[in-house]
């Protein structure tokens, strides 16, 4: 019965769901291309290693800004679709423009635009999918984040045949560049904090010889059907303006479940629902200032975002620095062999998200988050127990990716369920995850060159323990929030409730 109802919801919302999933493929496609192509882009822009690594900062920072901006476009579904169409179209445009960026500042600006688009897609897709399915959203969120892993796995495969195997700058010193050297440099440039310009000599002057432009144009063509799909859905829904306060449903009222039919609500009830659904961070802060919600309502947002700050930070710092950890002491793995660690990590994330789709239909999101965080801590403990074992590093990398894969969608579904799908949990949690990925990367990058060889794994274990600690706090806050909800008649009525009572 439960599966039949979920399948019925999926069939009724088939086009919106597939469109949001495809948009997240665009997000993944744009997320993973920069690392393997950065050396060729450095040659294309005739820049130094220190200069080209600023494009990482430009993209990552604007992803954070984009997640906040995306929360401003959730007033209506038509408004969200408009922002989603512009964002996905911008990603194709960015892929097309990158081959013509011959200056590192122009390239940084273009990738900053891509970061804004990625942030908007991240917030809007998560938010709208939760709105469509609400308590049935966990399994659909797992598919959504599987699409990210698939896109992130696909883009390096597209770029690989077109990467330069020898020095991409044709000069008198070209003979000094070897395929192995460039493989080492390319993997080292996965994050800017570890690059030492004195380690490797790359001549900034010369003739640029690379076929990497074809990879970007192929990715632009592959991504092009996504904005077309969004535009098709916009035509079906109607081009509603972003400034309208009335929320239009995803489907006509007669096609929606009875509990989602807005036309069956009174005008006062519909206004009450709108007042309980803030449109942005400013609305959330205003609700707190006006005491429209109990204090636990706000604490759930903060603690949930903190858990994802840690867990997504682990994902970012591990994918960025596992190669550097592998090629240095005490492991000293050959650069070409160490390069497979990133591929293994993303492949295990993609596989884990695929496996979590049926599992999320059997386990509660709270249980999945607890298992994942415990698995993350256990994996780091395993690798710390055998710090010089290459096999253990590879096994640990696969296990870590698997446990990290479903943490974000499960945490998002659990937090929204606590708040009864009111408030701005999606926007806050997506932003917290993005900030964590950015900040913890910089933190680990600043200490990974310390004399302690296992500092990289110690940092991961510390972040994992903190994530579990804050998650236990969230479980406690959840119980307190339920107790406050049970004592609802004695609490001070909210402004929206007062207005509704007055109208009655």
Protein backbone atom coordinates (compact mmCIF):
# COMPACT_ATOMS: atom_id res chain seq x y z
CA UNK A 1 0.00 0.00 0.00
CA UNK A 2 2.77 2.39 0.97
CA UNK A 3 4.80 1.53 -2.13
CA UNK A 4 1.72 1.94 -4.34
CA UNK A 5 1.09 5.42 -2.94
CA UNK A 6 4.74 6.41 -3.48
CA UNK A 7 4.68 5.05 -7.02
CA UNK A 8 1.45 6.96 -7.68
CA UNK A 9 3.05 10.19 -6.48
CA UNK A 10 6.04 9.57 -8.73
CA UNK A 11 3.85 9.00 -11.80
CA UNK A 12 1.83 12.14 -11.10
CA UNK A 13 5.02 14.20 -10.74
CA UNK A 14 7.11 12.36 -13.32
CA UNK A 15 8.19 15.33 -15.45
CA UNK A 16 9.11 17.67 -12.56
CA UNK A 17 11.02 14.87 -10.83
CA UNK A 18 13.01 13.85 -13.91
CA UNK A 19 13.76 17.51 -14.64
CA UNK A 20 15.17 18.09 -11.15
CA UNK A 21 17.24 14.90 -11.38
CA UNK A 22 18.69 15.97 -14.73
CA UNK A 23 19.56 19.40 -13.32
CA UNK A 24 21.60 17.70 -10.62
CA UNK A 25 23.50 15.80 -13.31
CA UNK A 26 24.52 19.23 -14.59
CA UNK A 27 25.65 20.13 -11.08
CA UNK A 28 27.85 17.03 -10.90
CA UNK A 29 29.19 17.53 -14.40
CA UNK A 30 30.36 21.02 -13.50
CA UNK A 31 31.71 19.99 -10.08
CA UNK A 32 34.46 17.55 -11.09
CA UNK A 33 35.94 18.80 -14.37
CA UNK A 34 38.33 21.40 -12.96
CA UNK A 35 40.84 19.10 -11.23
CA UNK A 36 41.95 17.00 -14.23
CA UNK A 37 41.85 19.90 -16.72
CA UNK A 38 43.56 22.54 -14.60
CA UNK A 39 47.04 21.96 -16.02
CA UNK A 40 45.78 22.44 -19.57
CA UNK A 41 43.86 25.52 -18.48
CA UNK A 42 47.05 26.86 -16.92
CA UNK A 43 48.77 26.52 -20.28
CA UNK A 44 45.79 28.05 -22.07
CA UNK A 45 45.85 31.15 -19.87
CA UNK A 46 49.70 31.42 -19.84
CA UNK A 47 49.57 31.75 -16.06
CA UNK A 48 51.70 30.51 -13.20
CA UNK A 49 50.67 27.71 -10.89
CA UNK A 50 49.92 30.15 -8.08
CA UNK A 51 47.72 32.26 -10.35
CA UNK A 52 45.69 29.42 -11.85
CA UNK A 53 44.79 27.97 -8.46
CA UNK A 54 42.72 31.08 -7.71
CA UNK A 55 40.03 29.69 -10.01
CA UNK A 56 39.29 27.12 -7.28
CA UNK A 57 38.59 29.90 -4.82
CA UNK A 58 36.42 31.77 -7.33
CA UNK A 59 34.25 28.75 -8.08
CA UNK A 60 33.93 27.41 -4.51
CA UNK A 61 33.14 30.81 -3.00
CA UNK A 62 30.46 31.54 -5.59
CA UNK A 63 28.88 28.13 -5.01
CA UNK A 64 28.27 29.28 -1.43
CA UNK A 65 26.80 32.57 -2.64
CA UNK A 66 24.66 30.69 -5.15
CA UNK A 67 23.13 28.45 -2.48
CA UNK A 68 21.95 31.55 -0.63
CA UNK A 69 20.66 33.20 -3.81
CA UNK A 70 18.81 30.01 -4.72
CA UNK A 71 16.72 30.34 -1.56
CA UNK A 72 15.35 33.63 -2.86
CA UNK A 73 13.69 31.94 -5.85
CA UNK A 74 11.38 29.58 -3.98
CA UNK A 75 8.32 31.82 -3.77
CA UNK A 76 6.56 29.91 -6.55
CA UNK A 77 7.39 26.83 -8.56
CA UNK A 78 7.40 28.95 -11.74
CA UNK A 79 9.98 31.25 -10.17
CA UNK A 80 12.14 28.26 -9.22
CA UNK A 81 11.91 26.88 -12.74
CA UNK A 82 13.00 30.21 -14.18
CA UNK A 83 16.09 30.28 -11.97
CA UNK A 84 16.77 26.60 -12.74
CA UNK A 85 16.53 27.23 -16.49
CA UNK A 86 18.95 30.17 -16.33
CA UNK A 87 21.38 28.22 -14.13
CA UNK A 88 21.50 25.09 -16.29
CA UNK A 89 21.78 27.17 -19.45
CA UNK A 90 24.67 29.10 -17.88
CA UNK A 91 26.54 25.86 -17.24
CA UNK A 92 26.39 24.96 -20.94
CA UNK A 93 27.46 28.51 -21.79
CA UNK A 94 30.39 28.29 -19.36
CA UNK A 95 31.59 25.03 -20.89
CA UNK A 96 31.42 26.66 -24.34
CA UNK A 97 33.27 29.83 -23.26
CA UNK A 98 36.10 28.23 -21.25
CA UNK A 99 38.21 27.33 -24.36
CA UNK A 100 38.27 31.02 -25.32
CA UNK A 101 39.46 32.27 -21.91
CA UNK A 102 43.11 33.21 -22.54
CA UNK A 103 43.46 35.19 -19.31
CA UNK A 104 43.32 33.74 -15.82
CA UNK A 105 41.14 36.59 -14.52
CA UNK A 106 38.59 36.00 -17.26
CA UNK A 107 38.66 32.28 -16.54
CA UNK A 108 38.16 32.92 -12.81
CA UNK A 109 35.18 35.16 -13.60
CA UNK A 110 33.61 32.55 -15.89
CA UNK A 111 34.03 29.82 -13.27
CA UNK A 112 32.59 32.15 -10.63
CA UNK A 113 29.47 32.44 -12.79
CA UNK A 114 29.40 28.64 -12.98
CA UNK A 115 29.66 28.52 -9.18
CA UNK A 116 26.63 30.78 -8.81
CA UNK A 117 24.66 28.54 -11.16
CA UNK A 118 25.74 25.41 -9.27
CA UNK A 119 24.70 26.89 -5.93
CA UNK A 120 21.26 27.84 -7.26
CA UNK A 121 20.74 24.36 -8.71
CA UNK A 122 21.79 22.78 -5.42
CA UNK A 123 19.28 24.71 -3.34
CA UNK A 124 16.36 24.73 -5.78
CA UNK A 125 16.50 21.04 -6.73
CA UNK A 126 16.68 19.85 -3.12
CA UNK A 127 13.99 22.26 -2.00
CA UNK A 128 11.47 21.51 -4.75
CA UNK A 129 11.91 17.75 -4.49
CA UNK A 130 11.20 17.95 -0.75
CA UNK A 131 8.15 20.08 -1.45
CA UNK A 132 6.78 17.59 -3.97
CA UNK A 133 7.16 14.42 -1.91
CA UNK A 134 7.52 15.68 1.67
CA UNK A 135 7.46 12.60 3.95
CA UNK A 136 8.09 10.35 0.94
CA UNK A 137 11.10 12.40 -0.18
CA UNK A 138 14.05 10.33 1.21
CA UNK A 139 14.14 7.81 -1.63
CA UNK A 140 13.81 10.55 -4.26
CA UNK A 141 16.54 12.61 -2.60
CA UNK A 142 18.82 9.56 -2.77
CA UNK A 143 18.25 9.38 -6.54
CA UNK A 144 18.86 13.12 -6.80
CA UNK A 145 22.26 12.84 -5.16
CA UNK A 146 23.09 9.74 -7.16
CA UNK A 147 22.75 12.01 -10.21
CA UNK A 148 25.43 14.30 -8.73
CA UNK A 149 27.82 11.39 -8.37
CA UNK A 150 27.06 10.22 -11.88
CA UNK A 151 27.79 13.66 -13.33
CA UNK A 152 30.96 14.01 -11.26
CA UNK A 153 32.09 10.57 -12.44
CA UNK A 154 31.27 11.37 -16.09
CA UNK A 155 33.09 14.66 -16.58
CA UNK A 156 36.65 13.39 -15.85
CA UNK A 157 36.01 10.48 -18.22
CA UNK A 158 35.03 12.92 -20.97
CA UNK A 159 38.09 15.09 -20.34
CA UNK A 160 40.65 12.29 -20.02
CA UNK A 161 41.17 11.50 -23.75
CA UNK A 162 41.85 15.17 -24.49
CA UNK A 163 44.31 15.93 -21.69
CA UNK A 164 47.91 16.69 -22.61
CA UNK A 165 50.20 13.72 -22.00
CA UNK A 166 53.31 15.88 -22.43
CA UNK A 167 54.04 19.54 -21.75
CA UNK A 168 51.19 21.54 -23.25
CA UNK A 169 53.44 24.58 -23.87
CA UNK A 170 55.68 24.18 -26.91
CA UNK A 171 59.07 25.73 -25.99
CA UNK A 172 62.73 24.85 -26.12
CA UNK A 173 62.31 23.20 -22.73
CA UNK A 174 59.47 20.89 -23.80
CA UNK A 175 61.78 17.92 -23.74
CA UNK A 176 61.96 18.24 -19.97
CA UNK A 177 58.21 17.52 -19.59
CA UNK A 178 57.19 13.91 -19.28
CA UNK A 179 53.87 12.17 -19.07
CA UNK A 180 54.52 10.99 -15.53
CA UNK A 181 55.48 14.50 -14.37
CA UNK A 182 52.30 16.00 -15.73
CA UNK A 183 50.18 13.28 -14.19
CA UNK A 184 51.74 14.14 -10.83
CA UNK A 185 51.19 17.88 -11.34
CA UNK A 186 47.60 17.40 -12.47
CA UNK A 187 46.68 15.40 -9.40
CA UNK A 188 48.56 17.77 -7.12
CA UNK A 189 46.46 20.64 -8.45
CA UNK A 190 43.30 19.05 -7.11
CA UNK A 191 43.39 21.85 -4.51
CA UNK A 192 45.40 25.05 -4.41
CA UNK A 193 46.71 24.85 -0.85
CA UNK A 194 49.38 22.26 -1.62
CA UNK A 195 50.94 23.70 -4.73
CA UNK A 196 54.54 24.79 -4.36
CA UNK A 197 55.72 26.58 -7.45
CA UNK A 198 59.31 25.57 -6.80
CA UNK A 199 58.47 21.86 -6.94
CA UNK A 200 57.84 21.71 -10.68
CA UNK A 201 58.97 23.98 -13.48
CA UNK A 202 56.33 24.91 -16.05
CA UNK A 203 57.28 27.46 -18.67
CA UNK A 204 54.51 30.09 -18.88
CA UNK A 205 55.55 31.32 -22.33
CA UNK A 206 55.16 29.38 -25.53
CA UNK A 207 52.57 28.02 -27.97
CA UNK A 208 49.55 26.38 -26.40
CA UNK A 209 49.07 22.87 -27.78
CA UNK A 210 46.13 20.99 -26.28
CA UNK A 211 42.88 19.38 -27.38
CA UNK A 212 41.09 19.94 -24.08
CA UNK A 213 38.74 22.45 -25.75
CA UNK A 214 36.92 19.55 -27.38
CA UNK A 215 36.18 18.08 -23.94
CA UNK A 216 34.49 21.31 -22.82
CA UNK A 217 32.42 21.53 -26.00
CA UNK A 218 31.32 17.91 -25.60
CA UNK A 219 30.26 18.60 -22.00
CA UNK A 220 28.35 21.69 -23.19
CA UNK A 221 26.44 19.58 -25.72
CA UNK A 222 25.76 16.82 -23.20
CA UNK A 223 24.37 19.37 -20.75
CA UNK A 224 22.25 21.21 -23.33
CA UNK A 225 19.20 18.88 -23.07
CA UNK A 226 18.86 19.83 -19.39
CA UNK A 227 17.81 23.50 -19.89
CA UNK A 228 15.61 22.28 -22.76
CA UNK A 229 13.87 19.91 -20.32
CA UNK A 230 13.44 22.74 -17.80
CA UNK A 231 12.00 25.00 -20.51
CA UNK A 232 9.57 22.27 -21.51
CA UNK A 233 8.35 22.00 -17.93
CA UNK A 234 8.05 25.79 -17.75
CA UNK A 235 5.81 25.75 -20.82
CA UNK A 236 3.62 23.08 -19.23
CA UNK A 237 3.35 24.90 -15.89
CA UNK A 238 2.99 28.38 -17.40
CA UNK A 239 5.44 31.25 -17.12
CA UNK A 240 4.41 32.58 -13.72
CA UNK A 241 6.22 35.63 -12.43
CA UNK A 242 8.62 35.46 -9.54
CA UNK A 243 6.96 38.30 -7.71
CA UNK A 244 3.62 36.58 -7.21
CA UNK A 245 2.97 35.57 -3.64
CA UNK A 246 0.49 32.84 -4.49
CA UNK A 247 2.10 29.42 -4.66
CA UNK A 248 1.08 27.44 -7.72
CA UNK A 249 1.04 23.65 -7.33
CA UNK A 250 3.23 21.47 -9.50
CA UNK A 251 0.21 19.83 -11.15
CA UNK A 252 -3.45 20.75 -11.62
CA UNK A 253 -5.41 20.33 -8.42
CA UNK A 254 -7.42 17.34 -9.66
CA UNK A 255 -4.16 15.44 -10.31
CA UNK A 256 -2.70 16.07 -6.84
CA UNK A 257 -3.22 13.99 -3.70
CA UNK A 258 -6.00 15.32 -1.51
CA UNK A 259 -3.56 16.60 1.12
CA UNK A 260 -1.75 18.71 -1.50
CA UNK A 261 -4.77 20.26 -3.23
CA UNK A 262 -4.43 23.96 -2.51
CA UNK A 263 -7.89 24.73 -3.90
CA UNK A 264 -9.44 22.73 -1.05
CA UNK A 265 -7.90 25.08 1.52
CA UNK A 266 -9.66 28.18 2.70
CA UNK A 267 -8.08 31.53 1.95
CA UNK A 268 -7.08 31.94 5.58
CA UNK A 269 -5.53 28.48 5.74
CA UNK A 270 -3.55 29.05 2.57
CA UNK A 271 -2.25 32.34 3.95
CA UNK A 272 -1.27 30.55 7.14
CA UNK A 273 0.72 27.98 5.17
CA UNK A 274 2.50 30.74 3.29
CA UNK A 275 3.39 32.53 6.51
CA UNK A 276 4.89 29.29 7.85
CA UNK A 277 7.03 28.82 4.73
CA UNK A 278 9.67 31.57 4.74
CA UNK A 279 11.05 32.49 1.37
CA UNK A 280 14.62 33.30 2.34
CA UNK A 281 17.13 33.66 5.13
CA UNK A 282 15.72 37.09 5.92
CA UNK A 283 12.26 35.56 6.40
CA UNK A 284 13.70 32.96 8.77
CA UNK A 285 15.44 35.65 10.82
CA UNK A 286 12.29 37.74 10.84
CA UNK A 287 10.29 34.76 12.09
CA UNK A 288 12.80 34.30 14.91
CA UNK A 289 12.67 37.98 15.80
CA UNK A 290 8.86 37.94 15.92
CA UNK A 291 8.93 34.71 17.97
CA UNK A 292 6.71 32.91 15.46
CA UNK A 293 8.36 29.57 16.26
CA UNK A 294 9.67 27.82 19.38
CA UNK A 295 13.39 28.04 20.06
CA UNK A 296 13.87 24.38 19.15
CA UNK A 297 12.66 25.22 15.63
CA UNK A 298 15.71 27.42 15.12
CA UNK A 299 18.08 25.06 16.94
CA UNK A 300 17.12 22.23 14.56
CA UNK A 301 18.19 24.40 11.60
CA UNK A 302 21.52 25.30 13.23
CA UNK A 303 22.47 21.85 14.50
CA UNK A 304 21.40 20.15 11.27
CA UNK A 305 23.53 22.56 9.24
CA UNK A 306 26.47 21.92 11.60
CA UNK A 307 26.25 18.14 11.05
CA UNK A 308 26.39 18.66 7.29
CA UNK A 309 29.14 21.26 7.74
CA UNK A 310 31.28 18.43 9.16
CA UNK A 311 30.18 15.55 6.90
CA UNK A 312 30.35 17.46 3.61
CA UNK A 313 33.60 19.02 4.81
CA UNK A 314 35.02 15.50 5.12
CA UNK A 315 33.91 14.76 1.56
CA UNK A 316 35.61 17.89 0.25
CA UNK A 317 38.87 17.59 2.16
CA UNK A 318 39.30 13.87 1.52
CA UNK A 319 38.63 14.05 -2.22
CA UNK A 320 40.99 17.01 -2.44
CA UNK A 321 43.93 15.75 -0.43
CA UNK A 322 43.93 11.94 -0.52
CA UNK A 323 46.27 11.98 -3.54
CA UNK A 324 48.79 14.21 -1.75
CA UNK A 325 48.60 12.05 1.35
CA UNK A 326 49.24 8.92 -0.76
CA UNK A 327 52.32 10.15 -2.66
CA UNK A 328 54.10 11.50 0.42
CA UNK A 329 55.51 9.75 3.49
CA UNK A 330 54.95 7.20 4.84
CA UNK A 331 53.22 5.59 1.84
CA UNK A 332 55.12 7.05 -1.15
CA UNK A 333 52.68 5.54 -3.64
CA UNK A 334 53.56 5.95 -7.32
CA UNK A 335 51.74 9.03 -8.73
CA UNK A 336 49.87 7.11 -11.44
CA UNK A 337 48.68 4.51 -8.93
CA UNK A 338 47.70 7.18 -6.39
CA UNK A 339 45.66 8.93 -9.06
CA UNK A 340 43.15 6.06 -8.96
CA UNK A 341 42.20 6.95 -5.37
CA UNK A 342 40.05 9.91 -6.47
CA UNK A 343 38.34 7.78 -9.10
CA UNK A 344 37.68 5.06 -6.52
CA UNK A 345 36.32 7.62 -4.06
CA UNK A 346 33.81 9.11 -6.51
CA UNK A 347 32.88 5.69 -7.89
CA UNK A 348 32.09 4.47 -4.37
CA UNK A 349 29.99 7.59 -3.73
CA UNK A 350 28.03 6.94 -6.92
CA UNK A 351 27.60 3.25 -6.03
CA UNK A 352 26.58 4.12 -2.48
CA UNK A 353 23.93 6.54 -3.66
CA UNK A 354 22.59 3.93 -6.05
CA UNK A 355 22.45 1.32 -3.26
CA UNK A 356 20.79 3.78 -0.86
CA UNK A 357 17.77 4.18 -3.17
CA UNK A 358 16.12 0.86 -2.16
CA UNK A 359 17.58 1.01 1.36
CA UNK A 360 15.96 4.40 2.06
CA UNK A 361 12.57 2.78 1.48
CA UNK A 362 13.24 0.34 4.34
CA UNK A 363 15.19 2.42 6.88
CA UNK A 364 14.29 5.74 8.44
CA UNK A 365 16.52 8.70 7.51
CA UNK A 366 17.57 9.09 11.17
CA UNK A 367 18.83 5.49 11.22
CA UNK A 368 20.72 5.92 7.94
CA UNK A 369 22.48 9.06 9.19
CA UNK A 370 23.55 7.30 12.39
CA UNK A 371 24.91 4.30 10.44
CA UNK A 372 26.74 6.57 8.01
CA UNK A 373 28.41 8.67 10.70
CA UNK A 374 29.42 5.55 12.61
CA UNK A 375 30.84 4.08 9.40
CA UNK A 376 32.82 7.25 8.69
CA UNK A 377 34.42 7.18 12.14
CA UNK A 378 35.12 3.45 11.91
CA UNK A 379 36.77 3.88 8.50
CA UNK A 380 39.16 6.54 9.75
CA UNK A 381 40.01 4.43 12.79
CA UNK A 382 40.80 1.51 10.47
CA UNK A 383 43.14 3.60 8.32
CA UNK A 384 44.85 5.05 11.39
CA UNK A 385 45.44 1.54 12.75
CA UNK A 386 47.28 0.59 9.54
CA UNK A 387 48.83 3.90 8.40
CA UNK A 388 51.46 2.32 6.11
CA UNK A 389 49.16 -0.16 4.38
CA UNK A 390 48.34 0.75 0.78
CA UNK A 391 45.60 -1.88 0.64
CA UNK A 392 44.00 -0.42 3.76
CA UNK A 393 44.08 3.06 2.21
CA UNK A 394 42.26 1.85 -0.90
CA UNK A 395 39.72 -0.15 1.12
CA UNK A 396 39.20 2.81 3.46
CA UNK A 397 38.73 5.19 0.54
CA UNK A 398 36.01 2.98 -0.91
CA UNK A 399 34.26 2.55 2.45
CA UNK A 400 34.45 6.27 3.23
CA UNK A 401 32.88 7.21 -0.09
CA UNK A 402 30.13 4.64 0.48
CA UNK A 403 29.23 5.95 3.94
CA UNK A 404 29.41 9.61 2.87
CA UNK A 405 27.24 9.02 -0.19
CA UNK A 406 23.81 9.05 1.48
CA UNK A 407 24.58 11.25 4.49
CA UNK A 408 23.42 14.53 2.94
CA UNK A 409 20.06 13.39 1.48
CA UNK A 410 19.24 11.36 4.60
CA UNK A 411 20.09 14.29 6.86
CA UNK A 412 18.02 16.66 4.74
CA UNK A 413 15.01 14.34 4.80
CA UNK A 414 15.32 13.81 8.57
CA UNK A 415 15.57 17.53 9.35
CA UNK A 416 12.64 18.44 7.12
CA UNK A 417 10.61 15.69 8.79
CA UNK A 418 11.38 17.12 12.23
CA UNK A 419 10.15 20.55 11.12
CA UNK A 420 7.10 19.08 9.38
CA UNK A 421 8.35 20.55 6.09
CA UNK A 422 8.02 24.13 7.30
CA UNK A 423 10.76 26.72 7.64
CA UNK A 424 13.86 27.00 5.50
CA UNK A 425 15.78 23.85 6.43
CA UNK A 426 16.77 23.01 2.85
CA UNK A 427 18.36 26.40 2.22
CA UNK A 428 20.14 26.42 5.58
CA UNK A 429 21.42 22.85 5.29
CA UNK A 430 22.64 23.23 1.70
CA UNK A 431 24.47 26.41 2.68
CA UNK A 432 25.97 24.77 5.77
CA UNK A 433 27.23 21.86 3.69
CA UNK A 434 28.79 24.20 1.15
CA UNK A 435 30.50 26.28 3.81
CA UNK A 436 31.88 23.15 5.44
CA UNK A 437 33.28 21.81 2.20
CA UNK A 438 34.99 25.13 1.54
CA UNK A 439 36.27 25.88 5.07
CA UNK A 440 37.49 22.39 5.99
CA UNK A 441 39.37 22.11 2.69
CA UNK A 442 41.27 25.27 3.56
CA UNK A 443 41.84 24.10 7.14
CA UNK A 444 43.24 20.70 6.12
CA UNK A 445 45.29 22.30 3.35
CA UNK A 446 46.99 24.53 5.89
CA UNK A 447 48.10 21.65 8.15
CA UNK A 448 48.64 18.70 5.82
CA UNK A 449 52.29 19.61 5.24
CA UNK A 450 53.05 19.31 8.97
CA UNK A 451 55.66 16.75 10.14
CA UNK A 452 52.96 14.44 11.51
CA UNK A 453 52.31 12.09 8.60
CA UNK A 454 48.85 11.02 9.74
CA UNK A 455 47.47 14.54 10.37
CA UNK A 456 45.26 14.12 7.29
CA UNK A 457 43.49 11.08 8.77
CA UNK A 458 43.38 12.62 12.26
CA UNK A 459 41.54 15.65 10.84
CA UNK A 460 39.00 13.38 9.16
CA UNK A 461 38.45 11.39 12.36
CA UNK A 462 38.02 14.61 14.35
CA UNK A 463 35.44 15.99 11.93
CA UNK A 464 33.61 12.67 11.93
CA UNK A 465 33.43 12.58 15.74
CA UNK A 466 32.18 16.16 15.83
CA UNK A 467 29.51 15.31 13.23
CA UNK A 468 28.31 12.38 15.36
CA UNK A 469 28.34 14.54 18.50
CA UNK A 470 26.19 17.24 16.89
CA UNK A 471 23.90 14.56 15.48
CA UNK A 472 23.29 13.21 18.98
CA UNK A 473 22.48 16.78 20.02
CA UNK A 474 20.01 16.93 17.12
CA UNK A 475 18.30 13.76 18.37
CA UNK A 476 17.88 15.40 21.78
CA UNK A 477 16.58 18.61 20.22
CA UNK A 478 14.13 16.53 18.16
CA UNK A 479 12.65 15.09 21.34
CA UNK A 480 12.39 18.53 22.94
CA UNK A 481 10.78 19.89 19.78
CA UNK A 482 8.16 17.14 19.89
CA UNK A 483 7.43 17.92 23.55
CA UNK A 484 6.91 21.60 22.70
CA UNK A 485 4.62 20.62 19.84
CA UNK A 486 2.55 18.43 22.17
CA UNK A 487 2.05 21.39 24.51
CA UNK A 488 0.84 23.52 21.63
CA UNK A 489 -2.37 24.79 23.22
CA UNK A 490 -0.43 26.51 26.00
CA UNK A 491 2.11 28.18 23.81
CA UNK A 492 1.87 31.76 22.58
CA UNK A 493 0.08 31.83 19.23
CA UNK A 494 2.09 32.88 16.21
CA UNK A 495 1.28 35.99 14.21
CA UNK A 496 -0.07 33.89 11.34
CA UNK A 497 -2.31 31.94 13.74
CA UNK A 498 -3.56 35.19 15.31
CA UNK A 499 -4.47 36.60 11.91
CA UNK A 500 -6.27 33.40 10.97
CA UNK A 501 -8.24 33.41 14.22
CA UNK A 502 -9.21 37.05 13.68
CA UNK A 503 -10.43 36.34 10.16
CA UNK A 504 -12.51 33.44 11.47
